[in-house]
Every structure is written in C-alpha cells, then in structure tokens.
Amino acid sequence: MKKIALIAAVALALPFAAVAQNATATKPAAAKSEAKKAPPKRQVTRKAAKAVEEVTPIADDTNIVLSESDLAVAQRVSIGKAQCELGADVTVTPDEKKPGFFNVTTKGLKYRMHPVESRTGAIRLEDPRAGAMWLQLGNKSMLMNQKAGLRIADECQTAAQVAFADEMKKNPPKALFEGADAAKK
C-alpha cells in the first residue's frame, strides 16, 4: 500500500516539477529582453514644438518647374491677409526669390505653394510635400490638408473677395438653366 501511495505522489508531482523548471528557465530570458528595451522618449511640450515650428524656415528646395499657364494662374492669386470663419486668418504672400510660388501661413502652419491649373477655373495652390491645398474662388477661399483630410480654414475672404461677394449679391449671375423649364411651342 505504501508503494502505491509513493508512486501516485511521484506521478502527481512530476508535471508540477516540469512546469516549475520551465518557469525558472524563461525568467532570465524575459529579464534580458526587458533590459534591451529602449528607454522611453521624452515628450516634447506643445509650447516647445510651436516655438520650433515658428522659427523653422519654409523649405525652398523644390524641383517643380512652372509652365506659362501656371505663371498666368499665379498672376490672379489674391495675396494678403484673408479673414476666415471662427476668427481664423490666412496670409498669402508671394515668394520674392521664385516667381509663381507663394508662402501660405495660418495658426503656426507654413506652406510653400505653387499654382496648379484647374479645369473648373478656380485658382488652386498646392504644397505636395505637406499635402496642403489653397482653393481660391472669386468670393471665398479655403485651406485644406489633403493628407489629414481636414479643412484648416474655411470661408476665407480678402478685401477683393468681399467686394466680389457683395457684387454677386447685388447682381447675381444668370442661372445656367434659366428659361430651360419654359414651355416649348
């Protein structure tokens, strides 16, 4: 009877011994992998990031060559400060070093943009590096970040665009389909 009890005790103890032996063997390996982990990176404060962004110059090394039609579009770009919705503003200034290029700034963001021909007649400036686009119509403009899928500024108007919008209200353009619904005789 004692032999059976001893065999049963050994049979029950063997799996626990194997588990304990494997656990002690993996602990040093786990400790080594923890030691190899990189130290956590220090977080940059928003204030420091903004200060760096404000003093970082806009990159002027671009390989884009503007065509004659692009330069013609650049002549029509409304420059200056545009007031936007929700108290925002966007400033568009021409680049003196490179004709046809513009610096567009708002809320600490800076873009170096160039004109792109548009089939709709709208004036379109793009910064392919940052994925930003400035779309200018006769009566308003908007700044979008295509990479993030965001409108950065909307309903922006320079003084010339405000005057154009007022003129559109006084003398609305003729509707495209005006008279199309009239009964045919």
Protein backbone atom coordinates (compact mmCIF):
# COMPACT_ATOMS: atom_id res chain seq x y z
CA MET A 1 0.00 0.00 0.00
CA LYS A 2 2.86 2.35 0.78
CA LYS A 3 4.36 1.67 -2.65
CA ILE A 4 1.14 2.62 -4.43
CA ALA A 5 0.87 5.88 -2.45
CA LEU A 6 4.50 6.70 -3.22
CA ILE A 7 4.04 6.04 -6.97
CA ALA A 8 0.86 8.18 -7.02
CA ALA A 9 2.65 11.04 -5.24
CA VAL A 10 5.56 10.94 -7.71
CA ALA A 11 3.18 10.78 -10.68
CA LEU A 12 1.31 13.83 -9.42
CA ALA A 13 4.49 15.76 -8.59
CA LEU A 14 6.29 15.25 -11.93
CA PRO A 15 4.12 17.65 -14.02
CA PHE A 16 4.45 20.37 -11.37
CA ALA A 17 8.24 19.92 -11.28
CA ALA A 18 8.46 20.24 -15.07
CA VAL A 19 6.35 23.42 -15.05
CA ALA A 20 8.46 24.93 -12.27
CA GLN A 21 11.68 24.06 -14.08
CA ASN A 22 10.46 25.70 -17.35
CA ALA A 23 9.29 28.82 -15.50
CA THR A 24 12.70 29.41 -13.91
CA ALA A 25 14.42 28.88 -17.27
CA THR A 26 12.28 31.52 -19.02
CA LYS A 27 12.58 34.16 -16.31
CA PRO A 28 16.21 35.10 -17.12
CA ALA A 29 15.35 35.32 -20.85
CA ALA A 30 12.45 37.63 -20.06
CA ALA A 31 14.70 39.74 -17.87
CA LYS A 32 17.24 40.03 -20.71
CA SER A 33 14.57 41.21 -23.19
CA GLU A 34 13.37 43.82 -20.69
CA ALA A 35 16.91 45.11 -20.31
CA LYS A 36 17.25 45.54 -24.09
CA LYS A 37 14.16 47.77 -24.41
CA ALA A 38 14.93 51.37 -25.33
CA PRO A 39 14.34 53.99 -22.68
CA PRO A 40 11.07 55.89 -23.19
CA LYS A 41 11.35 59.02 -25.33
CA ARG A 42 10.82 62.35 -23.66
CA GLN A 43 7.64 64.09 -24.72
CA VAL A 44 8.07 67.49 -26.38
CA THR A 45 5.78 70.10 -24.92
CA ARG A 46 3.30 71.87 -27.18
CA LYS A 47 4.95 75.22 -26.39
CA ALA A 48 8.40 73.94 -27.42
CA ALA A 49 7.04 72.39 -30.62
CA LYS A 50 5.29 75.65 -31.52
CA ALA A 51 8.48 77.65 -30.91
CA VAL A 52 10.46 75.34 -33.18
CA GLU A 53 7.75 75.47 -35.87
CA GLU A 54 7.68 79.27 -35.83
CA VAL A 55 11.41 79.64 -36.41
CA THR A 56 11.75 76.79 -38.92
CA PRO A 57 12.04 78.30 -42.39
CA ILE A 58 9.85 77.04 -45.19
CA ALA A 59 11.85 74.72 -47.42
CA ASP A 60 12.55 76.43 -50.72
CA ASP A 61 14.21 73.48 -52.42
CA THR A 62 11.59 72.32 -54.84
CA ASN A 63 12.09 70.70 -58.20
CA ILE A 64 8.82 72.00 -59.61
CA VAL A 65 9.12 73.95 -62.84
CA LEU A 66 6.13 76.17 -63.57
CA SER A 67 4.67 76.33 -67.06
CA GLU A 68 3.41 79.50 -68.72
CA SER A 69 -0.18 78.62 -67.79
CA ASP A 70 0.85 78.11 -64.14
CA LEU A 71 2.53 81.53 -64.12
CA ALA A 72 -0.66 83.02 -65.61
CA VAL A 73 -2.66 81.48 -62.74
CA ALA A 74 -0.12 82.90 -60.26
CA GLN A 75 -0.90 86.41 -61.54
CA ARG A 76 -4.54 86.01 -60.43
CA VAL A 77 -3.83 84.80 -56.86
CA SER A 78 -5.30 87.14 -54.26
CA ILE A 79 -2.49 87.98 -51.84
CA GLY A 80 -2.60 89.43 -48.35
CA LYS A 81 -4.42 88.54 -45.17
CA ALA A 82 -7.77 86.75 -45.52
CA GLN A 83 -10.22 86.63 -42.60
CA CYS A 84 -11.87 83.24 -42.16
CA GLU A 85 -14.66 81.58 -40.20
CA LEU A 86 -14.35 81.27 -36.43
CA GLY A 87 -11.82 84.10 -36.16
CA ALA A 88 -9.05 82.35 -38.10
CA ASP A 89 -6.95 84.07 -40.74
CA VAL A 90 -4.66 83.01 -43.58
CA THR A 91 -1.87 85.11 -45.07
CA VAL A 92 -0.77 84.55 -48.68
CA THR A 93 2.49 86.23 -49.70
CA PRO A 94 4.39 85.84 -52.98
CA ASP A 95 7.93 84.44 -52.80
CA GLU A 96 10.39 87.09 -53.98
CA LYS A 97 13.10 84.53 -54.77
CA LYS A 98 10.96 82.35 -57.02
CA PRO A 99 8.16 83.93 -59.09
CA GLY A 100 4.94 81.94 -59.09
CA PHE A 101 5.49 80.44 -55.63
CA PHE A 102 3.62 81.57 -52.52
CA ASN A 103 4.04 81.27 -48.75
CA VAL A 104 0.72 80.49 -47.05
CA THR A 105 0.63 80.75 -43.24
CA THR A 106 -2.04 80.24 -40.60
CA LYS A 107 -2.11 79.32 -36.90
CA GLY A 108 1.57 78.38 -36.81
CA LEU A 109 1.37 76.34 -40.02
CA LYS A 110 3.52 77.31 -43.01
CA TYR A 111 3.17 76.05 -46.55
CA ARG A 112 5.17 76.76 -49.71
CA MET A 113 2.70 76.50 -52.55
CA HIS A 114 2.68 76.72 -56.31
CA PRO A 115 -0.23 77.17 -58.74
CA VAL A 116 -1.81 74.18 -60.44
CA GLU A 117 -4.06 74.53 -63.45
CA SER A 118 -7.69 73.72 -62.67
CA ARG A 119 -10.41 72.66 -65.08
CA THR A 120 -13.06 74.46 -63.03
CA GLY A 121 -11.49 77.90 -63.31
CA ALA A 122 -10.75 78.05 -59.58
CA ILE A 123 -7.28 79.13 -58.52
CA ARG A 124 -5.54 76.21 -56.87
CA LEU A 125 -2.25 76.35 -54.96
CA GLU A 126 -0.64 73.14 -53.72
CA ASP A 127 2.15 72.08 -51.38
CA PRO A 128 2.77 68.45 -52.37
CA ARG A 129 5.32 67.90 -49.58
CA ALA A 130 2.83 68.80 -46.83
CA GLY A 131 -0.29 67.69 -48.70
CA ALA A 132 -1.93 71.10 -48.38
CA MET A 133 -4.12 72.92 -50.89
CA TRP A 134 -5.37 76.54 -51.08
CA LEU A 135 -8.51 76.81 -53.21
CA GLN A 136 -9.49 80.33 -54.23
CA LEU A 137 -12.79 81.26 -55.83
CA GLY A 138 -13.97 84.74 -56.73
CA ASN A 139 -15.86 85.25 -53.47
CA LYS A 140 -14.06 82.99 -50.94
CA SER A 141 -11.11 80.69 -50.34
CA MET A 142 -10.31 77.66 -48.20
CA LEU A 143 -7.18 75.90 -46.94
CA MET A 144 -7.24 72.10 -46.77
CA ASN A 145 -4.84 69.39 -45.69
CA GLN A 146 -5.45 66.51 -48.07
CA LYS A 147 -3.22 64.05 -46.19
CA ALA A 148 -5.17 64.52 -42.95
CA GLY A 149 -8.49 65.07 -44.73
CA LEU A 150 -9.13 68.34 -42.87
CA ARG A 151 -10.26 71.83 -43.71
CA ILE A 152 -7.79 74.03 -41.89
CA ALA A 153 -9.56 77.30 -42.74
CA ASP A 154 -12.88 77.87 -44.49
CA GLU A 155 -14.87 80.86 -45.80
CA CYS A 156 -11.70 82.99 -46.04
CA GLN A 157 -12.05 86.37 -47.76
CA THR A 158 -9.60 89.09 -48.72
CA ALA A 159 -10.84 92.64 -49.32
CA ALA A 160 -11.12 91.94 -53.06
CA GLN A 161 -13.16 88.80 -52.41
CA VAL A 162 -15.51 90.66 -50.05
CA ALA A 163 -16.12 93.24 -52.80
CA PHE A 164 -16.72 90.44 -55.34
CA ALA A 165 -19.20 88.71 -52.99
CA ASP A 166 -21.09 91.98 -52.48
CA GLU A 167 -21.26 92.49 -56.24
CA MET A 168 -22.62 88.95 -56.67
CA LYS A 169 -25.38 89.73 -54.15
CA LYS A 170 -26.33 92.95 -55.94
CA ASN A 171 -26.13 91.49 -59.44
CA PRO A 172 -26.48 87.71 -59.23
CA PRO A 173 -25.17 85.80 -62.23
CA LYS A 174 -27.70 84.43 -64.68
CA ALA A 175 -28.64 80.86 -63.80
CA LEU A 176 -27.28 78.20 -66.08
CA PHE A 177 -30.67 76.64 -66.78
CA GLU A 178 -32.74 79.83 -66.65
CA GLY A 179 -35.51 79.54 -69.20
CA ALA A 180 -34.91 75.82 -69.77
CA ASP A 181 -38.15 74.92 -68.00
CA ALA A 182 -40.26 77.21 -70.19
CA ALA A 183 -42.98 75.51 -72.21
CA LYS A 184 -41.92 74.78 -75.76
CA LYS A 185 -44.27 75.97 -78.53
